Amino acid sequence: MERLNDLPPVVKRKSQRNVKDVCRSPASVPTFEWINRYHKTPRGHGVVKQALTPIGTTLTKISQHRKTEKSSEKGGSLEKEKGSNSGTQKSKVHSNPESQAISSREERDDLVRSSSHTPSNKAQILAMPQFGLRDNLIKCELLKNEDLYTYLEHFSFFLGTYNVNGQTPKEGLHPWLNCTLNPPDMYCVGFQELDLSKEAFFFNDTPKELEWTKAVSEALHPDAKYALVKLVRLVGIMLIFYVKKEHAEFISDVEAETVGTGIMGRMGNKGAVAIRFRFHNSTICVVNSHLAAHIEEYERRNQDYKDICSRLQFRQLDPNQPPLTIMKHNVVLWIGDLNYRITDLDVDSVKDLISKKEFETLHGYDQLKKQIDEEAVFVGFEEGEIDFQPTYKYDTGSDKWDTSEKCRVPAWCDRILWRGKNIKQQHYQSHMALKTSDHKPVSSLLVIGIKRINSEAYKKTFEEIVRNIDKMENECIPSVTLSKREFHFNDVKFMQHQAETLSLFNDGQVPCQFEFIQKPNEPTYCKPWLTANPPKGFIAQGASVDIELEVFVNRSTAPELNSGKQQIEDILVLHLERGKDYFISVTGNYLPSCYGTSIYSLCQMREPIQDMPQNTIRELAETSENEIPENSEKPLDIPKELWMMVDHLFRNSIKQEDIFQQPGLRSEFAEIRDCLDTGMPDSLPGSNHSVAEALLLFLDALPEPVVPYSFYQQCLECCSNASQCEKIISMLPQCHKNVFNYLAAFLRELLKNSASNHLDVTILATIFASLLLKSPMKQDLAEKRKTQEFFQHFLTHGSSC
């Protein structure tokens, strides 16, 4: 292999201050220059938070309630100003809130609800009265007293999941979707592996979306008319949501989101899609996920589940409200190919138990059951009794178990779970009649108690709450007690999450609303490596709330922390509506990493980065390759950290199946990062997949890509001309050129073993071109194709550079 062994191994080497409360003017504090410009000034009321739907239409008018009453006493009506700069408009209290369920949504053709916020919705937000605390007070009290004005009505939800193995619909879906005596009120239908083509994987484009959607619509229960509310897809993971047309007007706040958990946590071959909505007065979230494959990868599946729960968030209609997570719903319905397998039994023993229909015994060996029992995943979820045979793996077109060389052990990969109250399962079954895929589809019928509003009871409760708030509104100033005001994060590392809890206790006489606010001349309330979750909220009198202060350094924030230009130092300003501000100090120490350090700087370092003096790291970060002193030591040809990862992969994984396509474990990445940053062992820890992902993350975190930004446009212009492409590479700075040629040589070696590792030029060009040839701006589809074409020249023909 050309140039692959040019770099010799590197010998392994060995790998606060207290901050007083800013408000107490300590003798020594972090240098927060903004604090000198900070002047506490009265803050106006913020924009109203999104109303509670369907009762929200009334809530958004609360600030006018007393004014209307006073005007009525005078025998006059309250007119609102109109105009482009006006923040108010005509409003009134609605006596029938349930009839307003559709008022906060745009008009829709054929009862199809779009998730995007229309101009009319934006105008409604802008027209909301300028208050926040009063609205939240009432919203909180209404939620606390919900039992006084709501009652339960039961509706049926049909849930279906089907991994179609990249096939087109070859048979009707009626045996699966039309298996209930009575038509369900809702259909939530999920697919996985809708399209396995490279075009779908890399460009999220597939004609099969329309084909399978058509097949679903034709197979719905014939005794009812249904409206398509929402469809969402990520590569091959698709979720379709239908409702009976008579229920459509009571569906609101529909949003859809996706999250990929594939390689580098982004690729969408694995991950989840979700739809959330409000039905009458209940909030519901439906998740369709496809988790990591292979029998031994249950920890990876657990990690995928946790990533989906933490990263999948829905925006709210009111942009001032924090996003909603999956678990912040009354009901969560989770379907999909969860990929958990049956272990500790050989294939013959499993098939023997299946033939005897001893499913309960077999279920005891199910990975998902074990992980739920250990509370590793799906805490608080329920699953119905499984009394059907495993749904994977069959020979396509038959009911025969897998007869391929791998002869996979049958497993219940395809599952349906739920979380929430007042839910009963009517059936849970597979559908053997469908033979299109190597999986069998699964369905469940759930009957769910949905909260509906009694309009008269609601009105009475609402008016009582308003009267009580009127009495106390001006009597007391809000006040809270903070559990602590100084937080220190020790040894912060690249892509390693740390969190501490700030507890707020409302010790005042009234409920209060808090928010972390921006400091003067700063765009956000905190530094980009810090978040407060939640950043705003409401605390009832005598209650408390826990806020997670989270520190996470990623590719965007690592470069300046590595060089020492930025420190783990910030001050948060916690503001109470109608109350005072509190100052919270956040400090820490960051351990420099090769992740987020430039190629040039790393080539100048013969020692692990954490053995380098901070001043040296900073000087290197500020020096360009053209400014190297004449008497300086000859730099390394390529970064030693890059060599270590590529050499490991070359020796251990040249024939590894699905290398660079299957993610590794986050815990193993942390071990690999620490080895690279503190010393060079004989071999890197972790699986081959974890080392491969660590390499991709290294390239992704470079402050300047391998092909510098200044060459990007030239690469696009000459992508179809091989000689011109080589000419551009020959012009790169020497260390960048060395890295480019070194990686291209390694990838050509991988391609020589494509029969074993299942890689081809298109896959490698797509993965690596996006890392080596980054656009200064967001790439469009045409640019992505051109960068791939550019890089393919070096995978097929090599380089003379």
Foldseek 3Di string as FASTA:
>chain_A
DPPLCVDDAFFWDFFDDDADFVVVVDPDHPCPPLVVVDDDDADFAAQADQAQPLQGLQLLCLVCVVVQVVCVVVVHGDAADDDPPAQAHDDDHDLFSQLSRQVLADDDPQLAGDLDQDPVNVSVSSNRDRHYPVSVLLVVLCVVVVVLWKDWDKFKEKEKEEELQQFFDPDACQLPQVVDPDFGQKYKYKYACLHPDPCCQQVVDDPRVVRVVVSNCVRGHPVFDKGWHDWDDRSGIIITMIGGPVQSSQKDNKDKDWWACWFVRHGNNWTKIKIWIAGANFIEIEIEGAFDADAVVVVRLLVRQVCNQVPTWAQGSNNVDDTHGQVPGQKYKYWYQSHWFFDPDDQVVLVVCVVVQVVVVSVVRTPVVVCVVVVSDDPQKDFDDDREFAFDFADAPAPHQDPDPVRDRGGNRTGIIMHHPQKDKPDWYWRRVDRSHRGTMIMIMMIHIHIHGNSVSSVVSSVVSSVVCVVCVPPWAWDKDKPDQEAEDEADEAQDKDKDKIKIFGAIPFKWKKAWAPRPPDDGQKDPQWDKVPRIDIAGHGGMDIIIIMGHHYLVRQQCLLLVVDFQWDWIWMDINRHHIGIHIYHYGYQHFLQQQAFQLLQLDSAQSSVDDSNSSNVSSVDDPVRDDPPRDDGHLTRSLLSQLLVQCLVPPLLPACAVTGAFDPVLLVQSRCCRRTTPDPHRDGDNRHSSSNNLSSLQSHPAHLLGQVCQVVLLVCLQPLVSLLVSLVPDPRSSSSVLLNVLVSLLSSCVNCVRHVDDLQVVLLSVLCRRRPHPDDDDPSSSVSSSSSSSSCNPPNHPD
